[in-house]
Amino acid sequence: MGKLEIYQLRIELAKRRQPEHADAHTKLMGLVPVDDFPYRGSLSGCYPKLLKQPEFCHPSRGRRAQPDAEFLYLIAEVDKFLREINAPPELQLLKYGDITATGDKFWELVHVRGLKAKEEWVPLSTITQGVYGRDPAAGEDPKQQIYWWSDLPLAQENLVRDMRRRGLAKDWFSGRCVVLRCRLTADLVAATQVPSVLDGFASDIFLPTDSELTPPTGQAIDLTADSLKLGAGEFILGPVAASHIEFRFLEVTKAENDAFAAHSGEPAFQERLEKYYRSLL
């Protein structure tokens, strides 16, 4: 078992499950050396080539989703959250700092503004009047115009377990995070898409749905057990107006993270992932 096997399985799954995207997906895979797979933390060297490809820059070509929920949820580390909003001046200074220090300072500043984001949901409009998501007109990375939401609520008491049910690996999050929830209006439901293999291209843990079955949602891979299985529903949205979003703080503790160990770079986990991908063929 190795990176090459998972690399090849991803190509084969794309061909079988979403043949309408197979050629574009294979083209993109051809631009990424096998040694750079899994992708996390290694795609940066390929970005100049990938950004010249329309399949990569504008990948949201999945089918329209049919979410059966009042809210969708997204989790982000504090520094990423601050980069995605038009933060007020006192928060802009924190965008590129140490993650732990940034989390502490952001927590403090939000409380100074009279918010109680540790205990309750707070309207995002209290700290920004813009959107959650980068502005394409500002020249931001086009790939960053899609955002992964889930219909699985996140609460502190089951946080890490539910993150694994969403296919989020141990090494992807640590410390304080911001959880967002978006109330689904009719307009947002109409804009929600089932993730395609092009949307999931830069994620090393991704389950392509079978387009012939016209699934109403995407499906994460549940990482909580040794035998991987179907996880929570997942959806793609572009930038969303702050008026639709609330946020709160949650904390990923080391003890909880270790209790549901699923490190994307470990050979044992890659073996589990390869076995699961093979079961889908």
Protein backbone atom coordinates (compact mmCIF):
# COMPACT_ATOMS: atom_id res chain seq x y z
CA MET A 1 0.00 0.00 0.00
CA GLY A 2 1.21 3.52 -0.70
CA LYS A 3 0.44 6.92 -2.07
CA LEU A 4 0.42 5.60 -5.64
CA GLU A 5 -2.40 3.14 -4.92
CA ILE A 6 -4.63 5.81 -3.34
CA TYR A 7 -3.73 8.21 -6.15
CA GLN A 8 -4.82 5.66 -8.77
CA LEU A 9 -7.96 4.73 -6.84
CA ARG A 10 -9.04 8.37 -6.76
CA ILE A 11 -8.77 8.52 -10.56
CA GLU A 12 -10.71 5.27 -11.01
CA LEU A 13 -13.48 6.36 -8.62
CA ALA A 14 -13.87 9.63 -10.52
CA LYS A 15 -14.24 7.74 -13.81
CA ARG A 16 -16.82 5.31 -12.45
CA ARG A 17 -18.88 7.57 -10.22
CA GLN A 18 -18.75 10.91 -12.03
CA PRO A 19 -17.81 10.19 -15.63
CA GLU A 20 -18.92 13.67 -16.67
CA HIS A 21 -15.91 15.05 -14.76
CA ALA A 22 -13.46 12.20 -15.36
CA ASP A 23 -11.38 13.85 -18.11
CA ALA A 24 -11.01 17.12 -16.21
CA HIS A 25 -10.15 15.26 -13.01
CA THR A 26 -7.52 13.10 -14.71
CA LYS A 27 -6.01 16.21 -16.27
CA LEU A 28 -5.64 17.85 -12.87
CA MET A 29 -4.25 14.69 -11.29
CA GLY A 30 -1.62 14.63 -14.02
CA LEU A 31 -0.31 18.00 -12.81
CA VAL A 32 0.31 16.75 -9.27
CA PRO A 33 3.32 14.44 -8.72
CA VAL A 34 2.48 11.22 -6.90
CA ASP A 35 4.99 12.20 -4.20
CA ASP A 36 2.76 15.19 -3.39
CA PHE A 37 -0.16 12.92 -2.48
CA PRO A 38 -1.91 13.11 0.00
CA TYR A 39 -2.38 16.75 -0.82
CA ARG A 40 -2.58 18.41 2.58
CA GLY A 41 0.27 20.90 2.88
CA SER A 42 1.89 19.85 -0.40
CA LEU A 43 -0.22 21.39 -3.15
CA SER A 44 1.31 24.85 -2.79
CA GLY A 45 4.12 24.00 -5.18
CA CYS A 46 1.61 22.96 -7.83
CA TYR A 47 -0.65 26.01 -7.49
CA PRO A 48 0.90 28.08 -10.32
CA LYS A 49 0.13 25.28 -12.78
CA LEU A 50 -3.26 24.43 -11.29
CA LEU A 51 -4.46 28.04 -11.26
CA LYS A 52 -4.05 28.16 -15.03
CA GLN A 53 -6.62 25.37 -15.36
CA PRO A 54 -10.30 26.41 -15.52
CA GLU A 55 -11.24 23.00 -14.12
CA PHE A 56 -9.39 23.92 -10.94
CA CYS A 57 -10.30 27.60 -10.71
CA HIS A 58 -14.04 27.10 -11.24
CA PRO A 59 -14.75 23.59 -10.02
CA SER A 60 -18.25 23.95 -8.59
CA ARG A 61 -20.11 21.94 -11.20
CA GLY A 62 -21.88 19.49 -8.94
CA ARG A 63 -25.59 18.83 -9.03
CA ARG A 64 -28.01 20.98 -7.12
CA ALA A 65 -28.36 19.64 -3.58
CA GLN A 66 -31.52 19.17 -1.57
CA PRO A 67 -30.56 19.79 2.06
CA ASP A 68 -33.19 18.64 4.54
CA ALA A 69 -32.11 20.84 7.44
CA GLU A 70 -32.77 24.25 8.93
CA PHE A 71 -29.05 25.02 9.26
CA LEU A 72 -25.74 24.04 7.69
CA TYR A 73 -22.52 24.10 9.72
CA LEU A 74 -18.88 24.90 8.97
CA ILE A 75 -15.83 24.75 11.24
CA ALA A 76 -12.62 26.76 10.78
CA GLU A 77 -9.53 27.50 12.82
CA VAL A 78 -9.47 31.06 14.09
CA ASP A 79 -6.83 32.37 11.69
CA LYS A 80 -8.64 30.97 8.65
CA PHE A 81 -11.93 32.40 9.89
CA LEU A 82 -10.37 35.87 10.17
CA ARG A 83 -8.98 35.62 6.63
CA GLU A 84 -12.42 34.82 5.27
CA ILE A 85 -14.25 37.84 6.71
CA ASN A 86 -13.85 41.57 6.30
CA ALA A 87 -12.70 41.81 9.91
CA PRO A 88 -12.76 45.08 11.88
CA PRO A 89 -9.36 46.81 12.35
CA GLU A 90 -8.62 45.38 15.79
CA LEU A 91 -9.09 41.85 14.42
CA GLN A 92 -7.23 42.31 11.13
CA LEU A 93 -3.93 42.40 13.03
CA LEU A 94 -4.53 38.81 14.09
CA LYS A 95 -4.91 37.23 10.67
CA TYR A 96 -1.45 35.77 10.32
CA GLY A 97 -0.38 35.25 13.92
CA ASP A 98 0.26 32.14 15.96
CA ILE A 99 -2.93 30.04 16.01
CA THR A 100 -3.08 29.67 19.81
CA ALA A 101 -2.25 33.30 20.53
CA THR A 102 -4.64 34.43 17.83
CA GLY A 103 -7.41 32.33 19.34
CA ASP A 104 -6.79 33.78 22.80
CA LYS A 105 -6.70 37.37 21.54
CA PHE A 106 -9.73 36.95 19.29
CA TRP A 107 -11.66 35.41 22.15
CA GLU A 108 -10.72 38.36 24.36
CA LEU A 109 -11.61 40.99 21.74
CA VAL A 110 -14.96 39.44 20.97
CA HIS A 111 -15.83 39.45 24.65
CA VAL A 112 -14.73 43.08 24.95
CA ARG A 113 -17.29 43.85 22.26
CA GLY A 114 -19.96 42.42 24.54
CA LEU A 115 -20.43 39.10 22.79
CA LYS A 116 -20.69 35.71 24.47
CA ALA A 117 -19.52 33.45 21.69
CA LYS A 118 -18.32 30.79 24.12
CA GLU A 119 -21.83 30.15 25.41
CA GLU A 120 -24.20 31.11 22.62
CA TRP A 121 -24.55 31.76 18.92
CA VAL A 122 -23.61 35.30 17.88
CA PRO A 123 -24.64 36.96 14.58
CA LEU A 124 -21.63 37.29 12.28
CA SER A 125 -23.01 40.70 11.29
CA THR A 126 -21.86 42.01 14.69
CA ILE A 127 -18.25 41.95 13.51
CA THR A 128 -18.58 42.22 9.72
CA GLN A 129 -21.16 43.53 7.28
CA GLY A 130 -19.69 41.61 4.37
CA VAL A 131 -19.65 37.91 3.59
CA TYR A 132 -17.97 34.78 4.86
CA GLY A 133 -15.75 34.03 1.91
CA ARG A 134 -13.17 35.79 -0.20
CA ASP A 135 -14.07 38.31 -2.85
CA PRO A 136 -13.13 37.07 -6.37
CA ALA A 137 -12.83 40.71 -7.50
CA ALA A 138 -10.03 41.22 -4.98
CA GLY A 139 -7.80 38.73 -6.79
CA GLU A 140 -8.01 36.02 -4.15
CA ASP A 141 -7.24 32.37 -4.91
CA PRO A 142 -10.22 31.21 -7.05
CA LYS A 143 -10.18 27.77 -5.44
CA GLN A 144 -11.04 29.41 -2.15
CA GLN A 145 -14.43 30.50 -3.47
CA ILE A 146 -16.04 27.22 -2.45
CA TYR A 147 -16.81 26.27 1.13
CA TRP A 148 -17.67 22.91 2.66
CA TRP A 149 -20.75 22.87 4.87
CA SER A 150 -22.44 19.97 6.66
CA ASP A 151 -25.90 19.22 7.99
CA LEU A 152 -24.33 17.76 11.16
CA PRO A 153 -24.50 20.19 14.12
CA LEU A 154 -21.33 20.62 16.14
CA ALA A 155 -21.46 20.90 19.94
CA GLN A 156 -18.59 20.97 22.45
CA GLU A 157 -19.62 17.74 24.20
CA ASN A 158 -19.22 15.62 21.04
CA LEU A 159 -17.01 17.93 19.00
CA VAL A 160 -14.14 15.68 17.94
CA ARG A 161 -16.34 12.63 17.35
CA ASP A 162 -18.62 14.69 15.13
CA MET A 163 -15.65 16.21 13.30
CA ARG A 164 -14.52 12.68 12.43
CA ARG A 165 -18.07 11.91 11.23
CA ARG A 166 -17.56 14.84 8.88
CA GLY A 167 -14.33 13.34 7.54
CA LEU A 168 -12.04 15.82 9.33
CA ALA A 169 -8.70 14.26 10.27
CA LYS A 170 -6.83 14.67 13.55
CA ASP A 171 -4.05 16.79 12.03
CA TRP A 172 -6.41 19.27 10.37
CA PHE A 173 -7.61 21.08 13.51
CA SER A 174 -6.24 21.93 16.94
CA GLY A 175 -7.04 24.37 19.70
CA ARG A 176 -9.81 26.92 19.48
CA CYS A 177 -12.05 26.92 16.45
CA VAL A 178 -14.94 28.96 15.16
CA VAL A 179 -18.10 27.08 14.22
CA LEU A 180 -20.51 28.81 11.87
CA ARG A 181 -24.11 27.96 11.20
CA CYS A 182 -26.01 29.24 8.22
CA ARG A 183 -29.80 29.38 8.17
CA LEU A 184 -31.01 27.98 4.86
CA THR A 185 -33.22 30.44 3.02
CA ALA A 186 -34.84 29.51 -0.28
CA ASP A 187 -32.09 31.36 -2.17
CA LEU A 188 -29.33 29.54 -0.33
CA VAL A 189 -30.98 26.15 -0.83
CA ALA A 190 -31.05 26.91 -4.56
CA ALA A 191 -27.31 27.72 -4.48
CA THR A 192 -26.29 24.60 -2.53
CA GLN A 193 -24.51 21.92 -4.54
CA VAL A 194 -23.50 18.29 -4.15
CA PRO A 195 -19.66 18.26 -4.15
CA SER A 196 -18.13 16.99 -7.37
CA VAL A 197 -14.76 15.28 -7.81
CA LEU A 198 -13.46 18.65 -8.98
CA ASP A 199 -14.60 20.32 -5.76
CA GLY A 200 -12.93 17.54 -3.77
CA PHE A 201 -9.75 17.52 -5.85
CA ALA A 202 -7.57 19.22 -3.22
CA SER A 203 -8.85 17.11 -0.32
CA ASP A 204 -7.04 13.86 0.43
CA ILE A 205 -10.15 12.46 2.16
CA PHE A 206 -13.11 12.68 -0.20
CA LEU A 207 -15.99 10.41 -1.20
CA PRO A 208 -17.31 11.04 -4.71
CA THR A 209 -21.05 10.42 -4.98
CA ASP A 210 -22.48 8.40 -7.86
CA SER A 211 -23.99 10.96 -10.23
CA GLU A 212 -26.28 8.38 -11.84
CA LEU A 213 -28.12 8.05 -8.51
CA THR A 214 -28.71 11.84 -8.36
CA PRO A 215 -27.94 12.03 -4.62
CA PRO A 216 -29.56 14.93 -2.72
CA THR A 217 -26.37 15.54 -0.69
CA GLY A 218 -22.68 14.85 -0.71
CA GLN A 219 -21.42 12.29 1.77
CA ALA A 220 -18.43 12.60 4.08
CA ILE A 221 -16.32 9.60 5.12
CA ASP A 222 -16.86 8.74 8.80
CA LEU A 223 -13.41 8.32 10.41
CA THR A 224 -14.54 7.36 13.92
CA ALA A 225 -13.95 3.60 13.59
CA ASP A 226 -11.29 1.35 12.11
CA SER A 227 -13.71 0.44 9.32
CA LEU A 228 -14.49 3.66 7.47
CA LYS A 229 -18.11 4.23 6.49
CA LEU A 230 -20.56 6.82 5.21
CA GLY A 231 -20.58 9.95 7.34
CA ALA A 232 -22.51 13.20 7.53
CA GLY A 233 -24.08 15.00 4.61
CA GLU A 234 -21.90 17.67 3.03
CA PHE A 235 -22.55 20.54 0.66
CA ILE A 236 -20.77 23.19 -1.38
CA LEU A 237 -21.61 26.90 -1.15
CA GLY A 238 -19.85 30.00 -2.37
CA PRO A 239 -19.41 33.08 -0.16
CA VAL A 240 -22.44 33.67 2.09
CA ALA A 241 -23.69 37.02 3.40
CA ALA A 242 -22.89 37.62 7.07
CA SER A 243 -26.57 38.31 7.72
CA HIS A 244 -27.30 34.58 7.22
CA ILE A 245 -24.58 33.34 9.60
CA GLU A 246 -24.04 32.98 13.34
CA PHE A 247 -20.85 31.82 15.03
CA ARG A 248 -19.50 30.51 18.31
CA PHE A 249 -16.22 29.22 19.73
CA LEU A 250 -15.44 25.59 20.39
CA GLU A 251 -12.18 24.04 21.52
CA VAL A 252 -10.48 20.91 20.21
CA THR A 253 -8.59 19.46 23.19
CA LYS A 254 -5.61 17.14 22.78
CA ALA A 255 -7.25 14.40 24.84
CA GLU A 256 -10.36 14.40 22.66
CA ASN A 257 -8.32 14.58 19.47
CA ASP A 258 -6.23 11.59 20.55
CA ALA A 259 -9.35 9.60 21.48
CA PHE A 260 -10.45 9.62 17.83
CA ALA A 261 -7.04 9.28 16.23
CA ALA A 262 -7.20 9.60 12.45
CA HIS A 263 -4.03 11.30 11.19
CA SER A 264 -4.21 11.74 7.41
CA GLY A 265 -0.47 11.23 6.92
CA GLU A 266 -0.03 8.03 8.93
CA PRO A 267 0.47 4.79 6.96
CA ALA A 268 -2.11 2.94 9.10
CA PHE A 269 -4.77 5.50 8.25
CA GLN A 270 -3.84 5.48 4.56
CA GLU A 271 -4.31 1.70 4.59
CA ARG A 272 -7.82 2.17 5.98
CA LEU A 273 -8.54 4.78 3.33
CA GLU A 274 -7.26 2.58 0.51
CA LYS A 275 -9.37 -0.35 1.73
CA TYR A 276 -12.46 1.85 1.83
CA TYR A 277 -11.88 3.26 -1.65
CA ARG A 278 -11.43 -0.26 -3.03
CA SER A 279 -14.77 -1.31 -1.50
CA LEU A 280 -16.50 1.37 -3.61
CA LEU A 281 -15.29 0.05 -6.96
